[in-house]
Amino acid sequence: MRAIVFNEHGPFENLQEAEIPQPEAGPGQLLLRVKAVSLNGFDPMVMRGIPGLRTPLPMIPGADISAEVVEFGPDVDQSKFSLGQRVAINPSNDRGMMGETLRGGMCEFIAVDQSQILPIPDDVTDVQAACLPTAYATAYRMLFSRGGVKSGESILILGASGGVGTCCIQLAKAAGCHVIAVTSSKDKAEKLKAIGADDVVDASETSYVDFVIDKFGKPRTKGPTGGVDVCVNYSGGDSWAECFKVVKRDGRILTCGATAGYDPKTDIRYIWSFEQTIIGSNGWRQSDHERMLDMIAKGELDPVIDRVVPMSDVQSAMRDLHDRKVTGKVVLTVPQ
């Protein structure tokens, strides 16, 4: 079968189309024909090599996948599936993550455990389904399953033009929140407004701390006035200490990563003085993935897609994602 593989870490030119053996469905697995796969922020990182992450080589990238059922392996509960059925895949299992430590979906066929397979609703396209679950379900779990975000709250999203950031904008706006998006890209400001941001702060020109205090007032320890209800900060680094200055009393700081540094300074006086809560969130659960499919089917969510290109364009797509020239998902279609 045709697949995109890299045999060693390094430049994106290492991504090559190759003919490799087609997998067979083992016990409890289904053989799927891949229809589409989308990129995530970790894909360029895995390609170049992540310290401490042992990636078996050769590796096939791609975690967010839509496919159709073509064959049942032994011991599959065939009452739950049918040949030709359109399905989505939860890329994470107890053995690892597809595209990181397990072979991903940038290929014609893939064998997947039946427990990882979800039916795609009729009103969801293959391209839409391939936008899930990594960024959207991660954002959903952080905001709602863990963070308890609710209608009417103000939510500040740092790194808003990134993959999880754009998902947070859409989901928070759909929930009835006032969304303030922070980006360092002036070119992406209008795009962020178009997908639901009420305010966009260009961090290259304006301090988001000054913006929030000017618009919402300075947080007060004696009452629930000033500042925002929620700050999403999955960047860490230098932005971490600043975010506590704009979260109101009883507010929350939500995090699901540390893309800019995992060991930042924290002034804990803000935490106890303003009774702030820091809530961590790690990935998603299958129920979060199911909820995202349901929202798309009901018209409550339309994934932001930067482009849809053939699998053969993977080098340029991966490079643009790495260079932050992308807003939303890049979806690669697999030749049928």
C-alpha atoms as a PDB file:
ATOM      1  CA  MET A   1       0.000   0.000   0.000  1.00  0.00           C
ATOM      2  CA  ARG A   2       1.003   3.642  -0.355  1.00  0.00           C
ATOM      3  CA  ALA A   3       2.031   5.497   2.795  1.00  0.00           C
ATOM      4  CA  ILE A   4       3.887   8.601   3.929  1.00  0.00           C
ATOM      5  CA  VAL A   5       6.824   7.559   6.102  1.00  0.00           C
ATOM      6  CA  PHE A   6       9.971   8.971   7.613  1.00  0.00           C
ATOM      7  CA  ASN A   7      12.885   6.672   8.350  1.00  0.00           C
ATOM      8  CA  GLU A   8      14.805   9.153  10.475  1.00  0.00           C
ATOM      9  CA  HIS A   9      14.122  12.387  12.319  1.00  0.00           C
ATOM     10  CA  GLY A  10      15.104  15.619  10.643  1.00  0.00           C
ATOM     11  CA  PRO A  11      13.904  17.960   7.893  1.00  0.00           C
ATOM     12  CA  PHE A  12      10.496  17.637   6.290  1.00  0.00           C
ATOM     13  CA  GLU A  13      12.161  16.323   3.131  1.00  0.00           C
ATOM     14  CA  ASN A  14      12.501  13.068   5.076  1.00  0.00           C
ATOM     15  CA  LEU A  15       8.757  12.576   4.606  1.00  0.00           C
ATOM     16  CA  GLN A  16       8.484  10.327   1.578  1.00  0.00           C
ATOM     17  CA  GLU A  17       5.766   8.352  -0.156  1.00  0.00           C
ATOM     18  CA  ALA A  18       6.597   4.655  -0.126  1.00  0.00           C
ATOM     19  CA  GLU A  19       5.116   1.250  -0.880  1.00  0.00           C
ATOM     20  CA  ILE A  20       4.879  -0.796   2.316  1.00  0.00           C
ATOM     21  CA  PRO A  21       3.049  -4.021   3.239  1.00  0.00           C
ATOM     22  CA  GLN A  22      -0.660  -3.653   3.899  1.00  0.00           C
ATOM     23  CA  PRO A  23      -1.519  -4.428   7.538  1.00  0.00           C
ATOM     24  CA  GLU A  24      -3.771  -7.304   8.536  1.00  0.00           C
ATOM     25  CA  ALA A  25      -6.553  -7.049  11.087  1.00  0.00           C
ATOM     26  CA  GLY A  26      -5.524  -8.917  14.218  1.00  0.00           C
ATOM     27  CA  PRO A  27      -7.788 -10.245  16.981  1.00  0.00           C
ATOM     28  CA  GLY A  28     -10.322  -7.596  17.981  1.00  0.00           C
ATOM     29  CA  GLN A  29      -9.250  -5.305  15.141  1.00  0.00           C
ATOM     30  CA  LEU A  30     -10.836  -3.932  11.985  1.00  0.00           C
ATOM     31  CA  LEU A  31      -9.037  -3.184   8.750  1.00  0.00           C
ATOM     32  CA  LEU A  32      -9.947   0.309   7.602  1.00  0.00           C
ATOM     33  CA  ARG A  33      -9.457   2.175   4.347  1.00  0.00           C
ATOM     34  CA  VAL A  34      -8.277   5.684   5.268  1.00  0.00           C
ATOM     35  CA  LYS A  35     -10.236   8.538   3.671  1.00  0.00           C
ATOM     36  CA  ALA A  36      -8.645  11.625   5.236  1.00  0.00           C
ATOM     37  CA  VAL A  37      -6.173  12.588   7.953  1.00  0.00           C
ATOM     38  CA  SER A  38      -5.391  15.985   9.484  1.00  0.00           C
ATOM     39  CA  LEU A  39      -2.209  17.416  10.938  1.00  0.00           C
ATOM     40  CA  ASN A  40      -1.649  18.544  14.511  1.00  0.00           C
ATOM     41  CA  GLY A  41       0.940  20.720  16.180  1.00  0.00           C
ATOM     42  CA  PHE A  42       2.852  17.717  17.489  1.00  0.00           C
ATOM     43  CA  ASP A  43       3.376  16.246  14.000  1.00  0.00           C
ATOM     44  CA  PRO A  44       6.290  18.546  13.035  1.00  0.00           C
ATOM     45  CA  MET A  45       7.726  18.043  16.520  1.00  0.00           C
ATOM     46  CA  VAL A  46       7.674  14.249  16.196  1.00  0.00           C
ATOM     47  CA  MET A  47       9.123  14.560  12.711  1.00  0.00           C
ATOM     48  CA  ARG A  48      12.087  16.525  14.033  1.00  0.00           C
ATOM     49  CA  GLY A  49      12.393  14.445  17.208  1.00  0.00           C
ATOM     50  CA  ILE A  50      11.078  15.135  20.712  1.00  0.00           C
ATOM     51  CA  PRO A  51      13.599  14.712  23.562  1.00  0.00           C
ATOM     52  CA  GLY A  52      12.447  11.905  25.823  1.00  0.00           C
ATOM     53  CA  LEU A  53       9.909  10.511  23.320  1.00  0.00           C
ATOM     54  CA  ARG A  54      11.054   7.292  21.706  1.00  0.00           C
ATOM     55  CA  THR A  55       9.468   7.134  18.271  1.00  0.00           C
ATOM     56  CA  PRO A  56       9.904   3.758  16.542  1.00  0.00           C
ATOM     57  CA  LEU A  57      11.140   4.157  12.979  1.00  0.00           C
ATOM     58  CA  PRO A  58      10.032   4.066  10.256  1.00  0.00           C
ATOM     59  CA  MET A  59       7.002   6.089  11.376  1.00  0.00           C
ATOM     60  CA  ILE A  60       3.778   6.975   9.591  1.00  0.00           C
ATOM     61  CA  PRO A  61       2.437  10.343  10.833  1.00  0.00           C
ATOM     62  CA  GLY A  62      -1.185  11.307  11.389  1.00  0.00           C
ATOM     63  CA  ALA A  63      -3.484  10.916  14.396  1.00  0.00           C
ATOM     64  CA  ASP A  64      -6.830  12.431  13.334  1.00  0.00           C
ATOM     65  CA  ILE A  65      -8.349  10.002  10.852  1.00  0.00           C
ATOM     66  CA  SER A  66     -11.578   9.210   9.031  1.00  0.00           C
ATOM     67  CA  ALA A  67     -11.951   5.868   7.298  1.00  0.00           C
ATOM     68  CA  GLU A  68     -14.303   3.100   6.206  1.00  0.00           C
ATOM     69  CA  VAL A  69     -14.529  -0.510   7.345  1.00  0.00           C
ATOM     70  CA  VAL A  70     -13.228  -3.051   4.809  1.00  0.00           C
ATOM     71  CA  GLU A  71     -12.542  -6.196   6.860  1.00  0.00           C
ATOM     72  CA  PHE A  72     -13.138  -7.744  10.290  1.00  0.00           C
ATOM     73  CA  GLY A  73     -10.425  -9.469  12.257  1.00  0.00           C
ATOM     74  CA  PRO A  74     -11.086 -12.415  14.595  1.00  0.00           C
ATOM     75  CA  ASP A  75     -13.190 -11.763  17.710  1.00  0.00           C
ATOM     76  CA  VAL A  76     -14.699  -8.480  16.477  1.00  0.00           C
ATOM     77  CA  ASP A  77     -18.248  -7.759  17.646  1.00  0.00           C
ATOM     78  CA  GLN A  78     -19.763  -7.484  14.178  1.00  0.00           C
ATOM     79  CA  SER A  79     -23.102  -6.328  15.595  1.00  0.00           C
ATOM     80  CA  LYS A  80     -21.477  -2.920  16.167  1.00  0.00           C
ATOM     81  CA  PHE A  81     -19.962  -2.436  12.702  1.00  0.00           C
ATOM     82  CA  SER A  82     -20.703  -3.061   9.040  1.00  0.00           C
ATOM     83  CA  LEU A  83     -18.565  -3.299   5.921  1.00  0.00           C
ATOM     84  CA  GLY A  84     -18.383   0.070   4.189  1.00  0.00           C
ATOM     85  CA  GLN A  85     -19.328   1.920   7.378  1.00  0.00           C
ATOM     86  CA  ARG A  86     -17.722   5.354   7.794  1.00  0.00           C
ATOM     87  CA  VAL A  87     -15.801   5.601  11.048  1.00  0.00           C
ATOM     88  CA  ALA A  88     -13.571   7.907  13.066  1.00  0.00           C
ATOM     89  CA  ILE A  89     -10.671   6.730  15.196  1.00  0.00           C
ATOM     90  CA  ASN A  90      -9.599   7.546  18.731  1.00  0.00           C
ATOM     91  CA  PRO A  91      -5.814   7.587  18.125  1.00  0.00           C
ATOM     92  CA  SER A  92      -4.812   6.940  21.732  1.00  0.00           C
ATOM     93  CA  ASN A  93      -4.770   3.573  23.478  1.00  0.00           C
ATOM     94  CA  ASP A  94      -2.867   1.910  26.312  1.00  0.00           C
ATOM     95  CA  ARG A  95       0.058   1.206  23.967  1.00  0.00           C
ATOM     96  CA  GLY A  96       0.589   4.798  22.906  1.00  0.00           C
ATOM     97  CA  MET A  97      -0.501   7.499  20.464  1.00  0.00           C
ATOM     98  CA  MET A  98      -0.823   7.082  16.722  1.00  0.00           C
ATOM     99  CA  GLY A  99       1.679   9.220  14.852  1.00  0.00           C
ATOM    100  CA  GLU A 100       3.911   9.424  17.949  1.00  0.00           C
ATOM    101  CA  THR A 101       4.690   5.934  19.219  1.00  0.00           C
ATOM    102  CA  LEU A 102       2.275   3.959  17.027  1.00  0.00           C
ATOM    103  CA  ARG A 103       1.978   4.138  13.257  1.00  0.00           C
ATOM    104  CA  GLY A 104      -0.481   6.806  12.170  1.00  0.00           C
ATOM    105  CA  GLY A 105      -3.036   7.174   9.429  1.00  0.00           C
ATOM    106  CA  MET A 106      -1.200   8.784   6.517  1.00  0.00           C
ATOM    107  CA  CYS A 107      -1.581   5.635   4.447  1.00  0.00           C
ATOM    108  CA  GLU A 108      -4.179   3.681   2.484  1.00  0.00           C
ATOM    109  CA  PHE A 109      -5.084   1.073   5.117  1.00  0.00           C
ATOM    110  CA  ILE A 110      -4.806   0.791   8.869  1.00  0.00           C
ATOM    111  CA  ALA A 111      -5.678  -1.906  11.414  1.00  0.00           C
ATOM    112  CA  VAL A 112      -7.314  -0.523  14.559  1.00  0.00           C
ATOM    113  CA  ASP A 113      -8.697  -2.005  17.784  1.00  0.00           C
ATOM    114  CA  GLN A 114     -12.497  -2.087  17.789  1.00  0.00           C
ATOM    115  CA  SER A 115     -12.573  -0.143  21.076  1.00  0.00           C
ATOM    116  CA  GLN A 116     -11.016   2.872  19.300  1.00  0.00           C
ATOM    117  CA  ILE A 117     -13.580   3.103  16.516  1.00  0.00           C
ATOM    118  CA  LEU A 118     -16.538   5.510  16.507  1.00  0.00           C
ATOM    119  CA  PRO A 119     -19.265   5.700  13.842  1.00  0.00           C
ATOM    120  CA  ILE A 120     -19.396   8.928  11.833  1.00  0.00           C
ATOM    121  CA  PRO A 121     -22.916  10.438  11.839  1.00  0.00           C
ATOM    122  CA  ASP A 122     -24.574  10.864   8.444  1.00  0.00           C
ATOM    123  CA  ASP A 123     -24.424  14.667   8.657  1.00  0.00           C
ATOM    124  CA  VAL A 124     -20.645  14.717   9.224  1.00  0.00           C
ATOM    125  CA  THR A 125     -18.300  14.594   6.222  1.00  0.00           C
ATOM    126  CA  ASP A 126     -15.118  12.550   6.080  1.00  0.00           C
ATOM    127  CA  VAL A 127     -13.087  15.772   6.050  1.00  0.00           C
ATOM    128  CA  GLN A 128     -14.889  17.125   9.129  1.00  0.00           C
ATOM    129  CA  ALA A 129     -14.452  13.844  10.997  1.00  0.00           C
ATOM    130  CA  ALA A 130     -10.733  13.888  10.189  1.00  0.00           C
ATOM    131  CA  CYS A 131     -10.434  17.172  12.130  1.00  0.00           C
ATOM    132  CA  LEU A 132     -11.063  15.232  15.360  1.00  0.00           C
ATOM    133  CA  PRO A 133     -10.184  14.479  18.089  1.00  0.00           C
ATOM    134  CA  THR A 134      -6.734  15.808  19.035  1.00  0.00           C
ATOM    135  CA  ALA A 135      -7.261  19.580  19.100  1.00  0.00           C
ATOM    136  CA  TYR A 136     -11.052  19.849  19.391  1.00  0.00           C
ATOM    137  CA  ALA A 137     -11.618  17.154  22.003  1.00  0.00           C
ATOM    138  CA  THR A 138      -8.619  18.401  24.006  1.00  0.00           C
ATOM    139  CA  ALA A 139     -10.107  21.909  23.989  1.00  0.00           C
ATOM    140  CA  TYR A 140     -13.570  20.613  24.877  1.00  0.00           C
ATOM    141  CA  ARG A 141     -12.338  18.582  27.821  1.00  0.00           C
ATOM    142  CA  MET A 142     -10.245  21.473  29.155  1.00  0.00           C
ATOM    143  CA  LEU A 143     -13.063  24.021  28.868  1.00  0.00           C
ATOM    144  CA  PHE A 144     -16.094  22.025  29.930  1.00  0.00           C
ATOM    145  CA  SER A 145     -15.334  18.555  31.329  1.00  0.00           C
ATOM    146  CA  ARG A 146     -12.575  19.968  33.541  1.00  0.00           C
ATOM    147  CA  GLY A 147     -12.913  23.759  33.512  1.00  0.00           C
ATOM    148  CA  GLY A 148     -16.663  24.114  33.993  1.00  0.00           C
ATOM    149  CA  VAL A 149     -16.906  27.018  31.543  1.00  0.00           C
ATOM    150  CA  LYS A 150     -20.473  28.290  31.247  1.00  0.00           C
ATOM    151  CA  SER A 151     -22.537  30.805  29.321  1.00  0.00           C
ATOM    152  CA  GLY A 152     -21.968  34.449  30.182  1.00  0.00           C
ATOM    153  CA  GLU A 153     -18.395  34.036  31.368  1.00  0.00           C
ATOM    154  CA  SER A 154     -15.470  36.001  29.957  1.00  0.00           C
ATOM    155  CA  ILE A 155     -12.628  33.825  28.706  1.00  0.00           C
ATOM    156  CA  LEU A 156      -9.129  34.949  27.721  1.00  0.00           C
ATOM    157  CA  ILE A 157      -7.378  32.571  25.308  1.00  0.00           C
ATOM    158  CA  LEU A 158      -3.607  32.841  24.940  1.00  0.00           C
ATOM    159  CA  GLY A 159      -2.036  31.357  21.821  1.00  0.00           C
ATOM    160  CA  ALA A 160      -5.428  31.710  20.194  1.00  0.00           C
ATOM    161  CA  SER A 161      -4.246  31.189  16.621  1.00  0.00           C
ATOM    162  CA  GLY A 162      -2.820  27.753  17.424  1.00  0.00           C
ATOM    163  CA  GLY A 163      -4.665  24.487  16.918  1.00  0.00           C
ATOM    164  CA  VAL A 164      -6.171  24.153  20.395  1.00  0.00           C
ATOM    165  CA  GLY A 165      -6.624  27.933  20.592  1.00  0.00           C
ATOM    166  CA  THR A 166      -8.897  28.181  17.549  1.00  0.00           C
ATOM    167  CA  CYS A 167     -10.928  25.263  18.894  1.00  0.00           C
ATOM    168  CA  CYS A 168     -11.297  27.046  22.237  1.00  0.00           C
ATOM    169  CA  ILE A 169     -12.576  30.176  20.481  1.00  0.00           C
ATOM    170  CA  GLN A 170     -15.271  28.246  18.626  1.00  0.00           C
ATOM    171  CA  LEU A 171     -16.366  26.143  21.571  1.00  0.00           C
ATOM    172  CA  ALA A 172     -16.411  29.000  24.083  1.00  0.00           C
ATOM    173  CA  LYS A 173     -18.381  31.219  21.709  1.00  0.00           C
ATOM    174  CA  ALA A 174     -20.864  28.414  21.028  1.00  0.00           C
ATOM    175  CA  ALA A 175     -21.336  28.127  24.797  1.00  0.00           C
ATOM    176  CA  GLY A 176     -22.254  31.814  25.075  1.00  0.00           C
ATOM    177  CA  CYS A 177     -18.988  33.205  26.447  1.00  0.00           C
ATOM    178  CA  HIS A 178     -17.320  36.552  25.774  1.00  0.00           C
ATOM    179  CA  VAL A 179     -14.085  35.512  24.052  1.00  0.00           C
ATOM    180  CA  ILE A 180     -10.852  37.513  24.104  1.00  0.00           C
ATOM    181  CA  ALA A 181      -8.236  36.001  21.785  1.00  0.00           C
ATOM    182  CA  VAL A 182      -4.537  36.804  22.109  1.00  0.00           C
ATOM    183  CA  THR A 183      -2.248  36.280  19.135  1.00  0.00           C
ATOM    184  CA  SER A 184       1.169  37.497  18.045  1.00  0.00           C
ATOM    185  CA  SER A 185       0.102  37.395  14.401  1.00  0.00           C
ATOM    186  CA  LYS A 186      -1.537  40.560  13.090  1.00  0.00           C
ATOM    187  CA  ASP A 187      -2.433  38.705   9.890  1.00  0.00           C
ATOM    188  CA  LYS A 188      -4.586  36.227  11.820  1.00  0.00           C
ATOM    189  CA  ALA A 189      -6.596  38.762  13.836  1.00  0.00           C
ATOM    190  CA  GLU A 190      -9.472  39.011  11.357  1.00  0.00           C
ATOM    191  CA  LYS A 191      -9.584  35.234  10.987  1.00  0.00           C
ATOM    192  CA  LEU A 192      -9.956  34.870  14.747  1.00  0.00           C
ATOM    193  CA  LYS A 193     -12.829  37.344  14.776  1.00  0.00           C
ATOM    194  CA  ALA A 194     -14.465  35.450  11.935  1.00  0.00           C
ATOM    195  CA  ILE A 195     -14.517  32.223  13.942  1.00  0.00           C
ATOM    196  CA  GLY A 196     -16.018  33.821  17.036  1.00  0.00           C
ATOM    197  CA  ALA A 197     -13.594  36.013  18.999  1.00  0.00           C
ATOM    198  CA  ASP A 198     -15.290  39.125  20.414  1.00  0.00           C
ATOM    199  CA  ASP A 199     -11.953  40.858  20.981  1.00  0.00           C
ATOM    200  CA  VAL A 200      -8.536  40.136  19.501  1.00  0.00           C
ATOM    201  CA  VAL A 201      -5.338  41.376  21.128  1.00  0.00           C
ATOM    202  CA  ASP A 202      -2.210  41.623  18.990  1.00  0.00           C
ATOM    203  CA  ALA A 203       0.429  40.756  21.578  1.00  0.00           C
ATOM    204  CA  SER A 204       3.174  42.206  19.384  1.00  0.00           C
ATOM    205  CA  GLU A 205       1.664  45.672  19.885  1.00  0.00           C
ATOM    206  CA  THR A 206      -0.512  45.537  23.016  1.00  0.00           C
ATOM    207  CA  SER A 207      -0.132  43.942  26.427  1.00  0.00           C
ATOM    208  CA  TYR A 208      -3.070  41.643  27.041  1.00  0.00           C
ATOM    209  CA  VAL A 209      -2.819  42.538  30.735  1.00  0.00           C
ATOM    210  CA  ASP A 210      -3.383  46.216  29.895  1.00  0.00           C
ATOM    211  CA  PHE A 211      -6.186  45.327  27.474  1.00  0.00           C
ATOM    212  CA  VAL A 212      -8.099  43.240  30.012  1.00  0.00           C
ATOM    213  CA  ILE A 213      -7.729  45.806  32.786  1.00  0.00           C
ATOM    214  CA  ASP A 214      -8.844  48.618  30.459  1.00  0.00           C
ATOM    215  CA  LYS A 215     -11.899  46.668  29.291  1.00  0.00           C
ATOM    216  CA  PHE A 216     -12.945  44.705  32.380  1.00  0.00           C
ATOM    217  CA  GLY A 217     -11.239  46.564  35.209  1.00  0.00           C
ATOM    218  CA  LYS A 218      -8.527  45.484  37.600  1.00  0.00           C
ATOM    219  CA  PRO A 219      -9.351  42.352  39.619  1.00  0.00           C
ATOM    220  CA  ARG A 220     -10.311  43.075  43.226  1.00  0.00           C
ATOM    221  CA  THR A 221      -9.776  40.828  46.227  1.00  0.00           C
ATOM    222  CA  LYS A 222     -12.912  42.113  47.978  1.00  0.00           C
ATOM    223  CA  GLY A 223     -15.430  41.363  45.263  1.00  0.00           C
ATOM    224  CA  PRO A 224     -16.047  39.511  41.995  1.00  0.00           C
ATOM    225  CA  THR A 225     -15.398  42.547  39.797  1.00  0.00           C
ATOM    226  CA  GLY A 226     -12.635  43.278  37.328  1.00  0.00           C
ATOM    227  CA  GLY A 227     -10.671  40.795  35.268  1.00  0.00           C
ATOM    228  CA  VAL A 228     -11.862  37.745  33.363  1.00  0.00           C
ATOM    229  CA  ASP A 229     -13.548  34.620  34.655  1.00  0.00           C
ATOM    230  CA  VAL A 230     -11.240  32.212  32.853  1.00  0.00           C
ATOM    231  CA  CYS A 231      -7.788  32.306  31.269  1.00  0.00           C
ATOM    232  CA  VAL A 232      -6.695  29.506  28.939  1.00  0.00           C
ATOM    233  CA  ASN A 233      -2.911  29.221  28.989  1.00  0.00           C
ATOM    234  CA  TYR A 234      -1.392  26.147  27.372  1.00  0.00           C
ATOM    235  CA  SER A 235       1.790  28.071  26.520  1.00  0.00           C
ATOM    236  CA  GLY A 236       3.464  28.384  29.900  1.00  0.00           C
ATOM    237  CA  GLY A 237       6.806  30.149  29.621  1.00  0.00           C
ATOM    238  CA  ASP A 238       6.859  33.913  30.064  1.00  0.00           C
ATOM    239  CA  SER A 239       3.085  34.233  29.643  1.00  0.00           C
ATOM    240  CA  TRP A 240       2.329  32.131  32.718  1.00  0.00           C
ATOM    241  CA  ALA A 241       3.073  34.644  35.477  1.00  0.00           C
ATOM    242  CA  GLU A 242       1.223  37.429  33.658  1.00  0.00           C
ATOM    243  CA  CYS A 243      -2.093  35.599  33.326  1.00  0.00           C
ATOM    244  CA  PHE A 244      -2.711  35.589  37.083  1.00  0.00           C
ATOM    245  CA  LYS A 245      -2.858  39.397  36.995  1.00  0.00           C
ATOM    246  CA  VAL A 246      -6.040  39.439  34.896  1.00  0.00           C
ATOM    247  CA  VAL A 247      -8.124  36.632  36.417  1.00  0.00           C
ATOM    248  CA  LYS A 248     -10.839  37.821  38.784  1.00  0.00           C
ATOM    249  CA  ARG A 249     -11.501  36.555  42.280  1.00  0.00           C
ATOM    250  CA  ASP A 250     -12.735  32.934  42.164  1.00  0.00           C
ATOM    251  CA  GLY A 251     -11.546  32.743  38.546  1.00  0.00           C
ATOM    252  CA  ARG A 252      -9.812  29.822  36.866  1.00  0.00           C
ATOM    253  CA  ILE A 253      -6.618  29.302  34.905  1.00  0.00           C
ATOM    254  CA  LEU A 254      -6.918  26.319  32.545  1.00  0.00           C
ATOM    255  CA  THR A 255      -3.947  24.532  31.022  1.00  0.00           C
ATOM    256  CA  CYS A 256      -3.391  21.485  28.820  1.00  0.00           C
ATOM    257  CA  GLY A 257       0.243  21.962  27.842  1.00  0.00           C
ATOM    258  CA  ALA A 258       3.397  24.047  27.999  1.00  0.00           C
ATOM    259  CA  THR A 259       4.470  24.822  24.454  1.00  0.00           C
ATOM    260  CA  ALA A 260       6.658  27.775  25.490  1.00  0.00           C
ATOM    261  CA  GLY A 261       8.183  26.309  28.641  1.00  0.00           C
ATOM    262  CA  TYR A 262       7.138  23.933  31.415  1.00  0.00           C
ATOM    263  CA  ASP A 263       8.925  25.522  34.391  1.00  0.00           C
ATOM    264  CA  PRO A 264       7.752  29.151  34.594  1.00  0.00           C
ATOM    265  CA  LYS A 265       7.804  31.412  37.625  1.00  0.00           C
ATOM    266  CA  THR A 266       4.526  31.744  39.545  1.00  0.00           C
ATOM    267  CA  ASP A 267       3.653  34.510  41.990  1.00  0.00           C
ATOM    268  CA  ILE A 268       1.461  32.495  44.348  1.00  0.00           C
ATOM    269  CA  ARG A 269       0.211  35.654  46.074  1.00  0.00           C
ATOM    270  CA  TYR A 270      -2.320  36.029  43.261  1.00  0.00           C
ATOM    271  CA  ILE A 271      -3.574  32.486  43.785  1.00  0.00           C
ATOM    272  CA  TRP A 272      -4.400  32.867  47.458  1.00  0.00           C
ATOM    273  CA  SER A 273      -5.258  36.578  47.436  1.00  0.00           C
ATOM    274  CA  PHE A 274      -7.804  36.191  44.624  1.00  0.00           C
ATOM    275  CA  GLU A 275      -8.725  32.579  45.467  1.00  0.00           C
ATOM    276  CA  GLN A 276      -7.862  31.530  41.931  1.00  0.00           C
ATOM    277  CA  THR A 277      -7.990  27.913  40.799  1.00  0.00           C
ATOM    278  CA  ILE A 278      -5.520  26.269  38.425  1.00  0.00           C
ATOM    279  CA  ILE A 279      -7.054  23.346  36.536  1.00  0.00           C
ATOM    280  CA  GLY A 280      -5.024  20.945  34.454  1.00  0.00           C
ATOM    281  CA  SER A 281      -6.461  18.883  31.624  1.00  0.00           C
ATOM    282  CA  ASN A 282      -4.743  16.062  29.765  1.00  0.00           C
ATOM    283  CA  GLY A 283      -5.964  15.126  26.303  1.00  0.00           C
ATOM    284  CA  TRP A 284      -9.506  13.819  25.958  1.00  0.00           C
ATOM    285  CA  ARG A 285     -11.762  10.887  26.678  1.00  0.00           C
ATOM    286  CA  GLN A 286     -13.721   8.993  24.054  1.00  0.00           C
ATOM    287  CA  SER A 287     -16.901  10.647  25.325  1.00  0.00           C
ATOM    288  CA  ASP A 288     -15.386  14.047  24.423  1.00  0.00           C
ATOM    289  CA  HIS A 289     -14.695  12.766  20.903  1.00  0.00           C
ATOM    290  CA  GLU A 290     -18.285  11.529  20.613  1.00  0.00           C
ATOM    291  CA  ARG A 291     -19.573  14.908  21.774  1.00  0.00           C
ATOM    292  CA  MET A 292     -17.579  16.696  19.058  1.00  0.00           C
ATOM    293  CA  LEU A 293     -19.020  14.441  16.350  1.00  0.00           C
ATOM    294  CA  ASP A 294     -22.499  15.092  17.727  1.00  0.00           C
ATOM    295  CA  MET A 295     -21.976  18.870  17.738  1.00  0.00           C
ATOM    296  CA  ILE A 296     -20.888  18.819  14.094  1.00  0.00           C
ATOM    297  CA  ALA A 297     -23.855  16.630  13.142  1.00  0.00           C
ATOM    298  CA  LYS A 298     -26.263  19.052  14.836  1.00  0.00           C
ATOM    299  CA  GLY A 299     -24.710  22.109  13.190  1.00  0.00           C
ATOM    300  CA  GLU A 300     -23.397  23.432  16.501  1.00  0.00           C
ATOM    301  CA  LEU A 301     -19.769  23.250  15.351  1.00  0.00           C
ATOM    302  CA  ASP A 302     -18.064  23.573  11.983  1.00  0.00           C
ATOM    303  CA  PRO A 303     -14.344  22.789  12.243  1.00  0.00           C
ATOM    304  CA  VAL A 304     -12.029  25.542  11.025  1.00  0.00           C
ATOM    305  CA  ILE A 305     -10.179  24.143   8.018  1.00  0.00           C
ATOM    306  CA  ASP A 306      -7.237  26.028   6.553  1.00  0.00           C
ATOM    307  CA  ARG A 307      -6.960  23.801   3.500  1.00  0.00           C
ATOM    308  CA  VAL A 308      -7.721  20.351   2.085  1.00  0.00           C
ATOM    309  CA  VAL A 309      -4.877  18.909  -0.001  1.00  0.00           C
ATOM    310  CA  PRO A 310      -3.814  15.485  -1.296  1.00  0.00           C
ATOM    311  CA  MET A 311      -1.569  13.319   0.853  1.00  0.00           C
ATOM    312  CA  SER A 312       1.284  13.923  -1.591  1.00  0.00           C
ATOM    313  CA  ASP A 313       1.445  17.572  -0.412  1.00  0.00           C
ATOM    314  CA  VAL A 314       2.469  16.528   3.094  1.00  0.00           C
ATOM    315  CA  GLN A 315       5.915  18.189   3.040  1.00  0.00           C
ATOM    316  CA  SER A 316       4.629  21.692   2.299  1.00  0.00           C
ATOM    317  CA  ALA A 317       1.644  21.228   4.634  1.00  0.00           C
ATOM    318  CA  MET A 318       3.877  20.129   7.507  1.00  0.00           C
ATOM    319  CA  ARG A 319       6.293  22.997   6.850  1.00  0.00           C
ATOM    320  CA  ASP A 320       3.510  25.609   6.855  1.00  0.00           C
ATOM    321  CA  LEU A 321       2.129  24.194  10.104  1.00  0.00           C
ATOM    322  CA  HIS A 322       5.583  24.371  11.687  1.00  0.00           C
ATOM    323  CA  ASP A 323       6.047  27.959  10.436  1.00  0.00           C
ATOM    324  CA  ARG A 324       2.662  29.015  11.877  1.00  0.00           C
ATOM    325  CA  LYS A 325       1.209  29.883   8.495  1.00  0.00           C
ATOM    326  CA  VAL A 326      -1.922  27.886   9.265  1.00  0.00           C
ATOM    327  CA  THR A 327      -5.184  28.805  11.001  1.00  0.00           C
ATOM    328  CA  GLY A 328      -7.254  25.741  11.791  1.00  0.00           C
ATOM    329  CA  LYS A 329      -6.806  22.254  10.438  1.00  0.00           C
ATOM    330  CA  VAL A 330      -4.877  21.051   7.407  1.00  0.00           C
ATOM    331  CA  VAL A 331      -6.611  17.956   6.037  1.00  0.00           C
ATOM    332  CA  LEU A 332      -4.882  15.512   3.707  1.00  0.00           C
ATOM    333  CA  THR A 333      -7.015  13.264   1.520  1.00  0.00           C
ATOM    334  CA  VAL A 334      -5.853   9.745   0.741  1.00  0.00           C
ATOM    335  CA  PRO A 335      -6.175   8.480  -2.860  1.00  0.00           C
ATOM    336  CA  GLN A 336      -8.895   5.838  -3.156  1.00  0.00           C
END
